[in-house]
Structure formats: structure tokens, C-alpha cells
Amino acid sequence: MMTITEKRSVIDCIFERVTSKIWSNFLYFPENWDAVELAQYIADKFQEESIFLNRDTPRKKAYKNDCLVFNL
């Protein structure tokens, strides 16, 4: 079980990794991209960080259930 502080630290690390990836490619974004493409790009970068990506495990099922039950 993780403490609140540990959870915050993990979240901060994930945001830092994703933010770093996004900013490292920022100058290469096509000029015609607007909020729609940028939002999708950001979502894609977070998706790449997913541990459950392309996995169907009991833990993933439990995670989805928790999100449903706790309205997350």
C-alpha cells in the first residue's frame, strides 16, 4: 500500500516524463495543428505511459472496476 506522499510522487514522475516527451517534440509539431490535434497528441503520450497497454489482466479488470465503483 502506498502513502499519499508516495502516490503524489508517482503522479509527479509520470507527468514529468510525459511533459518532457511533449516539449522535446514541440518544435516539430505541424503548423496546422490546433487544440484538437494537440489534445490528441497529449492523450497519446499519456497512453504510451500506460502499464496496462494491450494487456487484459486481472489487475487491469480490478482497476477498471475501481474506476467504475469510485466514479473516477
PDB file of N, CA and C in Angstrom:
ATOM      1  N   MET A   1       0.845  -1.178   0.000  1.00  0.00           N
ATOM      2  CA  MET A   1       0.000   0.000   0.000  1.00  0.00           C
ATOM      3  C   MET A   1       0.892   1.244   0.000  1.00  0.00           C
ATOM      4  N   MET A   2       0.537   2.212  -0.822  1.00  0.00           N
ATOM      5  CA  MET A   2       1.320   3.440  -0.928  1.00  0.00           C
ATOM      6  C   MET A   2       0.706   4.546  -0.072  1.00  0.00           C
ATOM      7  N   THR A   3       1.580   5.372   0.452  1.00  0.00           N
ATOM      8  CA  THR A   3       1.108   6.541   1.199  1.00  0.00           C
ATOM      9  C   THR A   3       0.657   7.613   0.201  1.00  0.00           C
ATOM     10  N   ILE A   4      -0.026   8.613   0.726  1.00  0.00           N
ATOM     11  CA  ILE A   4      -0.458   9.739  -0.123  1.00  0.00           C
ATOM     12  C   ILE A   4       0.765  10.410  -0.751  1.00  0.00           C
ATOM     13  N   THR A   5       1.803  10.576   0.015  1.00  0.00           N
ATOM     14  CA  THR A   5       3.028  11.212  -0.484  1.00  0.00           C
ATOM     15  C   THR A   5       3.648  10.390  -1.600  1.00  0.00           C
ATOM     16  N   GLU A   6       3.692   9.080  -1.442  1.00  0.00           N
ATOM     17  CA  GLU A   6       4.239   8.211  -2.485  1.00  0.00           C
ATOM     18  C   GLU A   6       3.392   8.274  -3.761  1.00  0.00           C
ATOM     19  N   LYS A   7       2.072   8.299  -3.597  1.00  0.00           N
ATOM     20  CA  LYS A   7       1.182   8.411  -4.759  1.00  0.00           C
ATOM     21  C   LYS A   7       1.420   9.724  -5.495  1.00  0.00           C
ATOM     22  N   ARG A   8       1.548  10.805  -4.733  1.00  0.00           N
ATOM     23  CA  ARG A   8       1.818  12.108  -5.350  1.00  0.00           C
ATOM     24  C   ARG A   8       3.136  12.090  -6.112  1.00  0.00           C
ATOM     25  N   SER A   9       4.128  11.439  -5.548  1.00  0.00           N
ATOM     26  CA  SER A   9       5.436  11.349  -6.185  1.00  0.00           C
ATOM     27  C   SER A   9       5.353  10.583  -7.503  1.00  0.00           C
ATOM     28  N   VAL A  10       4.627   9.484  -7.507  1.00  0.00           N
ATOM     29  CA  VAL A  10       4.462   8.695  -8.737  1.00  0.00           C
ATOM     30  C   VAL A  10       3.751   9.530  -9.800  1.00  0.00           C
ATOM     31  N   ILE A  11       2.681  10.219  -9.404  1.00  0.00           N
ATOM     32  CA  ILE A  11       1.946  11.061 -10.344  1.00  0.00           C
ATOM     33  C   ILE A  11       2.845  12.154 -10.906  1.00  0.00           C
ATOM     34  N   ASP A  12       3.625  12.803 -10.032  1.00  0.00           N
ATOM     35  CA  ASP A  12       4.552  13.840 -10.484  1.00  0.00           C
ATOM     36  C   ASP A  12       5.558  13.286 -11.489  1.00  0.00           C
ATOM     37  N   CYS A  13       6.078  12.101 -11.231  1.00  0.00           N
ATOM     38  CA  CYS A  13       7.054  11.480 -12.139  1.00  0.00           C
ATOM     39  C   CYS A  13       6.432  11.182 -13.511  1.00  0.00           C
ATOM     40  N   ILE A  14       5.220  10.677 -13.504  1.00  0.00           N
ATOM     41  CA  ILE A  14       4.536  10.385 -14.768  1.00  0.00           C
ATOM     42  C   ILE A  14       4.323  11.678 -15.558  1.00  0.00           C
ATOM     43  N   PHE A  15       3.825  12.718 -14.877  1.00  0.00           N
ATOM     44  CA  PHE A  15       3.614  13.997 -15.553  1.00  0.00           C
ATOM     45  C   PHE A  15       4.929  14.552 -16.093  1.00  0.00           C
ATOM     46  N   GLU A  16       5.995  14.432 -15.331  1.00  0.00           N
ATOM     47  CA  GLU A  16       7.298  14.929 -15.786  1.00  0.00           C
ATOM     48  C   GLU A  16       7.784  14.190 -17.026  1.00  0.00           C
ATOM     49  N   ARG A  17       7.639  12.851 -17.035  1.00  0.00           N
ATOM     50  CA  ARG A  17       8.059  12.075 -18.208  1.00  0.00           C
ATOM     51  C   ARG A  17       7.265  12.479 -19.441  1.00  0.00           C
ATOM     52  N   VAL A  18       5.950  12.565 -19.300  1.00  0.00           N
ATOM     53  CA  VAL A  18       5.099  12.908 -20.441  1.00  0.00           C
ATOM     54  C   VAL A  18       5.377  14.338 -20.900  1.00  0.00           C
ATOM     55  N   THR A  19       5.464  15.258 -19.962  1.00  0.00           N
ATOM     56  CA  THR A  19       5.736  16.646 -20.312  1.00  0.00           C
ATOM     57  C   THR A  19       7.069  16.779 -21.035  1.00  0.00           C
ATOM     58  N   SER A  20       8.065  16.068 -20.572  1.00  0.00           N
ATOM     59  CA  SER A  20       9.377  16.095 -21.215  1.00  0.00           C
ATOM     60  C   SER A  20       9.301  15.596 -22.656  1.00  0.00           C
ATOM     61  N   LYS A  21       8.575  14.503 -22.879  1.00  0.00           N
ATOM     62  CA  LYS A  21       8.409  13.971 -24.244  1.00  0.00           C
ATOM     63  C   LYS A  21       7.708  14.984 -25.144  1.00  0.00           C
ATOM     64  N   ILE A  22       6.666  15.605 -24.620  1.00  0.00           N
ATOM     65  CA  ILE A  22       5.899  16.566 -25.415  1.00  0.00           C
ATOM     66  C   ILE A  22       6.759  17.764 -25.778  1.00  0.00           C
ATOM     67  N   TRP A  23       7.434  18.352 -24.789  1.00  0.00           N
ATOM     68  CA  TRP A  23       8.246  19.536 -25.063  1.00  0.00           C
ATOM     69  C   TRP A  23       9.433  19.228 -25.967  1.00  0.00           C
ATOM     70  N   SER A  24       9.962  18.007 -25.894  1.00  0.00           N
ATOM     71  CA  SER A  24      11.105  17.675 -26.753  1.00  0.00           C
ATOM     72  C   SER A  24      10.714  17.617 -28.230  1.00  0.00           C
ATOM     73  N   ASN A  25       9.435  17.417 -28.503  1.00  0.00           N
ATOM     74  CA  ASN A  25       8.963  17.370 -29.892  1.00  0.00           C
ATOM     75  C   ASN A  25       8.198  18.620 -30.312  1.00  0.00           C
ATOM     76  N   PHE A  26       8.048  19.558 -29.414  1.00  0.00           N
ATOM     77  CA  PHE A  26       7.207  20.732 -29.646  1.00  0.00           C
ATOM     78  C   PHE A  26       7.544  21.471 -30.935  1.00  0.00           C
ATOM     79  N   LEU A  27       8.812  21.669 -31.212  1.00  0.00           N
ATOM     80  CA  LEU A  27       9.212  22.432 -32.395  1.00  0.00           C
ATOM     81  C   LEU A  27       8.907  21.708 -33.706  1.00  0.00           C
ATOM     82  N   TYR A  28       8.595  20.426 -33.626  1.00  0.00           N
ATOM     83  CA  TYR A  28       8.318  19.641 -34.830  1.00  0.00           C
ATOM     84  C   TYR A  28       6.822  19.483 -35.111  1.00  0.00           C
ATOM     85  N   PHE A  29       5.974  20.033 -34.244  1.00  0.00           N
ATOM     86  CA  PHE A  29       4.534  19.927 -34.470  1.00  0.00           C
ATOM     87  C   PHE A  29       4.171  20.658 -35.764  1.00  0.00           C
ATOM     88  N   PRO A  30       3.318  20.059 -36.572  1.00  0.00           N
ATOM     89  CA  PRO A  30       2.884  20.745 -37.800  1.00  0.00           C
ATOM     90  C   PRO A  30       2.199  22.072 -37.478  1.00  0.00           C
ATOM     91  N   GLU A  31       2.414  23.056 -38.344  1.00  0.00           N
ATOM     92  CA  GLU A  31       1.846  24.389 -38.117  1.00  0.00           C
ATOM     93  C   GLU A  31       0.330  24.383 -38.113  1.00  0.00           C
ATOM     94  N   ASN A  32      -0.284  23.435 -38.827  1.00  0.00           N
ATOM     95  CA  ASN A  32      -1.742  23.424 -38.924  1.00  0.00           C
ATOM     96  C   ASN A  32      -2.418  22.771 -37.715  1.00  0.00           C
ATOM     97  N   TRP A  33      -1.643  22.236 -36.768  1.00  0.00           N
ATOM     98  CA  TRP A  33      -2.250  21.649 -35.566  1.00  0.00           C
ATOM     99  C   TRP A  33      -2.860  22.738 -34.707  1.00  0.00           C
ATOM    100  N   ASP A  34      -4.065  22.455 -34.217  1.00  0.00           N
ATOM    101  CA  ASP A  34      -4.678  23.355 -33.251  1.00  0.00           C
ATOM    102  C   ASP A  34      -5.021  22.551 -32.002  1.00  0.00           C
ATOM    103  N   ALA A  35      -5.954  23.029 -31.200  1.00  0.00           N
ATOM    104  CA  ALA A  35      -6.260  22.389 -29.918  1.00  0.00           C
ATOM    105  C   ALA A  35      -6.675  20.927 -30.067  1.00  0.00           C
ATOM    106  N   VAL A  36      -7.346  20.583 -31.163  1.00  0.00           N
ATOM    107  CA  VAL A  36      -7.814  19.202 -31.360  1.00  0.00           C
ATOM    108  C   VAL A  36      -6.631  18.250 -31.493  1.00  0.00           C
ATOM    109  N   GLU A  37      -5.708  18.559 -32.384  1.00  0.00           N
ATOM    110  CA  GLU A  37      -4.537  17.697 -32.587  1.00  0.00           C
ATOM    111  C   GLU A  37      -3.625  17.705 -31.364  1.00  0.00           C
ATOM    112  N   LEU A  38      -3.466  18.850 -30.751  1.00  0.00           N
ATOM    113  CA  LEU A  38      -2.611  18.925 -29.560  1.00  0.00           C
ATOM    114  C   LEU A  38      -3.183  18.094 -28.417  1.00  0.00           C
ATOM    115  N   ALA A  39      -4.490  18.167 -28.218  1.00  0.00           N
ATOM    116  CA  ALA A  39      -5.121  17.369 -27.162  1.00  0.00           C
ATOM    117  C   ALA A  39      -4.956  15.884 -27.436  1.00  0.00           C
ATOM    118  N   GLN A  40      -5.109  15.486 -28.699  1.00  0.00           N
ATOM    119  CA  GLN A  40      -4.948  14.073 -29.045  1.00  0.00           C
ATOM    120  C   GLN A  40      -3.502  13.625 -28.840  1.00  0.00           C
ATOM    121  N   TYR A  41      -2.555  14.474 -29.229  1.00  0.00           N
ATOM    122  CA  TYR A  41      -1.135  14.156 -29.053  1.00  0.00           C
ATOM    123  C   TYR A  41      -0.808  13.951 -27.575  1.00  0.00           C
ATOM    124  N   ILE A  42      -1.318  14.850 -26.732  1.00  0.00           N
ATOM    125  CA  ILE A  42      -1.086  14.736 -25.293  1.00  0.00           C
ATOM    126  C   ILE A  42      -1.707  13.446 -24.767  1.00  0.00           C
ATOM    127  N   ALA A  43      -2.927  13.144 -25.186  1.00  0.00           N
ATOM    128  CA  ALA A  43      -3.588  11.903 -24.768  1.00  0.00           C
ATOM    129  C   ALA A  43      -2.776  10.688 -25.209  1.00  0.00           C
ATOM    130  N   ASP A  44      -2.251  10.730 -26.425  1.00  0.00           N
ATOM    131  CA  ASP A  44      -1.434   9.617 -26.935  1.00  0.00           C
ATOM    132  C   ASP A  44      -0.176   9.424 -26.102  1.00  0.00           C
ATOM    133  N   LYS A  45       0.459  10.508 -25.695  1.00  0.00           N
ATOM    134  CA  LYS A  45       1.677  10.400 -24.889  1.00  0.00           C
ATOM    135  C   LYS A  45       1.369   9.788 -23.523  1.00  0.00           C
ATOM    136  N   PHE A  46       0.241  10.166 -22.935  1.00  0.00           N
ATOM    137  CA  PHE A  46      -0.145   9.550 -21.670  1.00  0.00           C
ATOM    138  C   PHE A  46      -0.491   8.076 -21.878  1.00  0.00           C
ATOM    139  N   GLN A  47      -1.137   7.762 -22.986  1.00  0.00           N
ATOM    140  CA  GLN A  47      -1.476   6.370 -23.288  1.00  0.00           C
ATOM    141  C   GLN A  47      -0.208   5.515 -23.386  1.00  0.00           C
ATOM    142  N   GLU A  48       0.843   6.080 -23.953  1.00  0.00           N
ATOM    143  CA  GLU A  48       2.118   5.364 -24.066  1.00  0.00           C
ATOM    144  C   GLU A  48       2.701   5.018 -22.698  1.00  0.00           C
ATOM    145  N   GLU A  49       2.362   5.787 -21.685  1.00  0.00           N
ATOM    146  CA  GLU A  49       2.844   5.534 -20.331  1.00  0.00           C
ATOM    147  C   GLU A  49       2.052   4.441 -19.613  1.00  0.00           C
ATOM    148  N   SER A  50       0.963   4.000 -20.231  1.00  0.00           N
ATOM    149  CA  SER A  50       0.081   3.030 -19.583  1.00  0.00           C
ATOM    150  C   SER A  50       0.756   1.681 -19.401  1.00  0.00           C
ATOM    151  N   ILE A  51       0.717   1.195 -18.192  1.00  0.00           N
ATOM    152  CA  ILE A  51       1.267  -0.122 -17.877  1.00  0.00           C
ATOM    153  C   ILE A  51       0.348  -1.205 -18.419  1.00  0.00           C
ATOM    154  N   PHE A  52      -0.940  -0.894 -18.504  1.00  0.00           N
ATOM    155  CA  PHE A  52      -1.928  -1.874 -18.945  1.00  0.00           C
ATOM    156  C   PHE A  52      -2.063  -1.947 -20.463  1.00  0.00           C
ATOM    157  N   LEU A  53      -1.322  -1.143 -21.181  1.00  0.00           N
ATOM    158  CA  LEU A  53      -1.445  -1.091 -22.631  1.00  0.00           C
ATOM    159  C   LEU A  53      -1.386  -2.494 -23.243  1.00  0.00           C
ATOM    160  N   ASN A  54      -2.405  -2.819 -23.995  1.00  0.00           N
ATOM    161  CA  ASN A  54      -2.507  -4.108 -24.692  1.00  0.00           C
ATOM    162  C   ASN A  54      -2.436  -5.316 -23.762  1.00  0.00           C
ATOM    163  N   ARG A  55      -2.871  -5.153 -22.556  1.00  0.00           N
ATOM    164  CA  ARG A  55      -2.900  -6.272 -21.612  1.00  0.00           C
ATOM    165  C   ARG A  55      -4.307  -6.421 -21.059  1.00  0.00           C
ATOM    166  N   ASP A  56      -4.720  -7.641 -20.883  1.00  0.00           N
ATOM    167  CA  ASP A  56      -6.011  -7.896 -20.252  1.00  0.00           C
ATOM    168  C   ASP A  56      -5.736  -8.826 -19.080  1.00  0.00           C
ATOM    169  N   THR A  57      -5.481  -8.232 -17.931  1.00  0.00           N
ATOM    170  CA  THR A  57      -5.087  -8.986 -16.748  1.00  0.00           C
ATOM    171  C   THR A  57      -6.115  -8.808 -15.641  1.00  0.00           C
ATOM    172  N   PRO A  58      -6.078  -9.663 -14.646  1.00  0.00           N
ATOM    173  CA  PRO A  58      -6.976  -9.474 -13.502  1.00  0.00           C
ATOM    174  C   PRO A  58      -6.776  -8.107 -12.829  1.00  0.00           C
ATOM    175  N   ARG A  59      -5.548  -7.648 -12.773  1.00  0.00           N
ATOM    176  CA  ARG A  59      -5.291  -6.352 -12.147  1.00  0.00           C
ATOM    177  C   ARG A  59      -5.915  -5.217 -12.957  1.00  0.00           C
ATOM    178  N   LYS A  60      -5.865  -5.320 -14.287  1.00  0.00           N
ATOM    179  CA  LYS A  60      -6.497  -4.307 -15.133  1.00  0.00           C
ATOM    180  C   LYS A  60      -8.010  -4.324 -14.931  1.00  0.00           C
ATOM    181  N   LYS A  61      -8.580  -5.515 -14.835  1.00  0.00           N
ATOM    182  CA  LYS A  61     -10.015  -5.632 -14.603  1.00  0.00           C
ATOM    183  C   LYS A  61     -10.395  -5.012 -13.259  1.00  0.00           C
ATOM    184  N   ALA A  62      -9.575  -5.261 -12.242  1.00  0.00           N
ATOM    185  CA  ALA A  62      -9.825  -4.690 -10.922  1.00  0.00           C
ATOM    186  C   ALA A  62      -9.718  -3.166 -10.973  1.00  0.00           C
ATOM    187  N   TYR A  63      -8.745  -2.685 -11.719  1.00  0.00           N
ATOM    188  CA  TYR A  63      -8.567  -1.236 -11.889  1.00  0.00           C
ATOM    189  C   TYR A  63      -9.814  -0.620 -12.525  1.00  0.00           C
ATOM    190  N   LYS A  64     -10.277  -1.227 -13.612  1.00  0.00           N
ATOM    191  CA  LYS A  64     -11.473  -0.711 -14.294  1.00  0.00           C
ATOM    192  C   LYS A  64     -12.686  -0.737 -13.364  1.00  0.00           C
ATOM    193  N   ASN A  65     -12.800  -1.793 -12.578  1.00  0.00           N
ATOM    194  CA  ASN A  65     -13.897  -1.887 -11.627  1.00  0.00           C
ATOM    195  C   ASN A  65     -13.800  -0.776 -10.579  1.00  0.00           C
ATOM    196  N   ASP A  66     -12.605  -0.546 -10.046  1.00  0.00           N
ATOM    197  CA  ASP A  66     -12.416   0.536  -9.068  1.00  0.00           C
ATOM    198  C   ASP A  66     -12.824   1.877  -9.654  1.00  0.00           C
ATOM    199  N   CYS A  67     -12.428   2.144 -10.903  1.00  0.00           N
ATOM    200  CA  CYS A  67     -12.788   3.405 -11.545  1.00  0.00           C
ATOM    201  C   CYS A  67     -14.305   3.545 -11.663  1.00  0.00           C
ATOM    202  N   LEU A  68     -14.967   2.448 -11.965  1.00  0.00           N
ATOM    203  CA  LEU A  68     -16.415   2.455 -12.088  1.00  0.00           C
ATOM    204  C   LEU A  68     -17.075   2.676 -10.730  1.00  0.00           C
ATOM    205  N   VAL A  69     -16.652   1.882  -9.738  1.00  0.00           N
ATOM    206  CA  VAL A  69     -17.241   1.941  -8.416  1.00  0.00           C
ATOM    207  C   VAL A  69     -17.028   3.294  -7.748  1.00  0.00           C
ATOM    208  N   PHE A  70     -15.821   3.849  -7.891  1.00  0.00           N
ATOM    209  CA  PHE A  70     -15.494   5.106  -7.234  1.00  0.00           C
ATOM    210  C   PHE A  70     -15.732   6.333  -8.123  1.00  0.00           C
ATOM    211  N   ASN A  71     -16.355   6.085  -9.294  1.00  0.00           N
ATOM    212  CA  ASN A  71     -16.705   7.156 -10.220  1.00  0.00           C
ATOM    213  C   ASN A  71     -15.499   8.043 -10.554  1.00  0.00           C
ATOM    214  N   LEU A  72     -14.388   7.395 -10.901  1.00  0.00           N
ATOM    215  CA  LEU A  72     -13.148   8.123 -11.221  1.00  0.00           C
ATOM    216  C   LEU A  72     -13.054   8.402 -12.710  1.00  0.00           C
TER     217      LEU A  72
END
